[in-house]
Amino acid sequence: YAVYNRHSDQEKEVIELVVCSTKRLQDHISHPSLYKALSHLPKRQLTILELHFLYRLTHKEIGQVLGISQQS
């Protein structure tokens, strides 16, 4: 939350758009084994993959959105 408050209003709008989006990574996967593997990931890991692959966020940006360190 503290990281979120340091962003400008425009940055906050972008973060809200990304976090509140209904796009799912599984919607873009056609290979059955990969789809099944993604379905077994914890929600947090799947969210990180979605933020990276669907929204092209960097590791640093993902950390800011989720309120975690880049290393996490």
C-alpha atoms as a PDB file:
ATOM      1  CA  TYR A   1       0.000   0.000   0.000  1.00  0.00           C
ATOM      2  CA  ALA A   2       2.837   2.399   0.840  1.00  0.00           C
ATOM      3  CA  VAL A   3       4.421   1.824  -2.588  1.00  0.00           C
ATOM      4  CA  TYR A   4       1.057   2.378  -4.267  1.00  0.00           C
ATOM      5  CA  ASN A   5       0.642   5.756  -2.544  1.00  0.00           C
ATOM      6  CA  ARG A   6       3.957   6.995  -3.965  1.00  0.00           C
ATOM      7  CA  HIS A   7       2.611   6.799  -7.519  1.00  0.00           C
ATOM      8  CA  SER A   8       1.038   9.679  -9.428  1.00  0.00           C
ATOM      9  CA  ASP A   9      -2.690   9.586 -10.114  1.00  0.00           C
ATOM     10  CA  GLN A  10      -2.016   8.489 -13.689  1.00  0.00           C
ATOM     11  CA  GLU A  11       0.218   5.639 -12.501  1.00  0.00           C
ATOM     12  CA  LYS A  12      -2.447   4.597  -9.984  1.00  0.00           C
ATOM     13  CA  GLU A  13      -5.025   4.423 -12.784  1.00  0.00           C
ATOM     14  CA  VAL A  14      -2.730   2.149 -14.798  1.00  0.00           C
ATOM     15  CA  ILE A  15      -2.114  -0.082 -11.779  1.00  0.00           C
ATOM     16  CA  GLU A  16      -5.848  -0.346 -11.087  1.00  0.00           C
ATOM     17  CA  LEU A  17      -6.506  -1.201 -14.734  1.00  0.00           C
ATOM     18  CA  VAL A  18      -3.917  -3.981 -14.662  1.00  0.00           C
ATOM     19  CA  VAL A  19      -4.972  -5.437 -11.318  1.00  0.00           C
ATOM     20  CA  CYS A  20      -8.704  -5.268 -12.013  1.00  0.00           C
ATOM     21  CA  SER A  21      -8.524  -6.681 -15.541  1.00  0.00           C
ATOM     22  CA  THR A  22     -10.280  -9.941 -16.228  1.00  0.00           C
ATOM     23  CA  LYS A  23      -7.702 -11.203 -18.733  1.00  0.00           C
ATOM     24  CA  ARG A  24      -6.348 -14.587 -17.807  1.00  0.00           C
ATOM     25  CA  LEU A  25      -3.175 -16.183 -19.057  1.00  0.00           C
ATOM     26  CA  GLN A  26      -4.981 -19.496 -19.541  1.00  0.00           C
ATOM     27  CA  ASP A  27      -7.234 -17.830 -22.127  1.00  0.00           C
ATOM     28  CA  HIS A  28      -4.184 -17.547 -24.394  1.00  0.00           C
ATOM     29  CA  ILE A  29      -2.862 -21.116 -23.963  1.00  0.00           C
ATOM     30  CA  SER A  30      -3.790 -23.817 -26.457  1.00  0.00           C
ATOM     31  CA  HIS A  31      -1.356 -26.552 -25.394  1.00  0.00           C
ATOM     32  CA  PRO A  32      -3.210 -28.895 -22.960  1.00  0.00           C
ATOM     33  CA  SER A  33      -0.177 -29.737 -20.807  1.00  0.00           C
ATOM     34  CA  LEU A  34       0.812 -26.104 -20.362  1.00  0.00           C
ATOM     35  CA  TYR A  35      -2.785 -25.148 -19.584  1.00  0.00           C
ATOM     36  CA  LYS A  36      -2.965 -27.874 -16.947  1.00  0.00           C
ATOM     37  CA  ALA A  37       0.370 -26.812 -15.417  1.00  0.00           C
ATOM     38  CA  LEU A  38      -0.780 -23.190 -15.186  1.00  0.00           C
ATOM     39  CA  SER A  39      -4.022 -24.308 -13.569  1.00  0.00           C
ATOM     40  CA  HIS A  40      -2.052 -25.889 -10.720  1.00  0.00           C
ATOM     41  CA  LEU A  41      -0.022 -22.771  -9.880  1.00  0.00           C
ATOM     42  CA  PRO A  42      -0.836 -20.806  -6.729  1.00  0.00           C
ATOM     43  CA  LYS A  43      -2.856 -17.643  -7.460  1.00  0.00           C
ATOM     44  CA  ARG A  44       0.067 -15.344  -6.644  1.00  0.00           C
ATOM     45  CA  GLN A  45       2.428 -17.079  -9.078  1.00  0.00           C
ATOM     46  CA  LEU A  46      -0.193 -17.038 -11.823  1.00  0.00           C
ATOM     47  CA  THR A  47      -0.815 -13.334 -11.205  1.00  0.00           C
ATOM     48  CA  ILE A  48       2.910 -12.616 -11.550  1.00  0.00           C
ATOM     49  CA  LEU A  49       3.044 -14.500 -14.858  1.00  0.00           C
ATOM     50  CA  GLU A  50      -0.028 -12.642 -16.124  1.00  0.00           C
ATOM     51  CA  LEU A  51       1.421  -9.263 -15.192  1.00  0.00           C
ATOM     52  CA  HIS A  52       4.657 -10.118 -16.980  1.00  0.00           C
ATOM     53  CA  PHE A  53       3.396 -11.835 -20.127  1.00  0.00           C
ATOM     54  CA  LEU A  54       0.044 -10.130 -20.713  1.00  0.00           C
ATOM     55  CA  TYR A  55       0.863  -6.627 -19.522  1.00  0.00           C
ATOM     56  CA  ARG A  56       4.618  -6.586 -20.157  1.00  0.00           C
ATOM     57  CA  LEU A  57       5.411  -5.324 -16.658  1.00  0.00           C
ATOM     58  CA  THR A  58       9.004  -5.564 -15.496  1.00  0.00           C
ATOM     59  CA  HIS A  59       9.962  -7.446 -12.344  1.00  0.00           C
ATOM     60  CA  LYS A  60      10.319  -4.110 -10.565  1.00  0.00           C
ATOM     61  CA  GLU A  61       6.857  -2.964 -11.674  1.00  0.00           C
ATOM     62  CA  ILE A  62       5.306  -6.275 -10.640  1.00  0.00           C
ATOM     63  CA  GLY A  63       6.877  -5.884  -7.200  1.00  0.00           C
ATOM     64  CA  GLN A  64       5.393  -2.403  -6.920  1.00  0.00           C
ATOM     65  CA  VAL A  65       1.920  -3.514  -8.003  1.00  0.00           C
ATOM     66  CA  LEU A  66       1.881  -6.439  -5.574  1.00  0.00           C
ATOM     67  CA  GLY A  67       3.672  -4.604  -2.759  1.00  0.00           C
ATOM     68  CA  ILE A  68       6.547  -7.084  -2.673  1.00  0.00           C
ATOM     69  CA  SER A  69      10.277  -6.858  -3.321  1.00  0.00           C
ATOM     70  CA  GLN A  70      11.597  -7.545  -6.795  1.00  0.00           C
ATOM     71  CA  GLN A  71      13.409 -10.617  -5.459  1.00  0.00           C
ATOM     72  CA  SER A  72      10.175 -12.106  -4.100  1.00  0.00           C
END
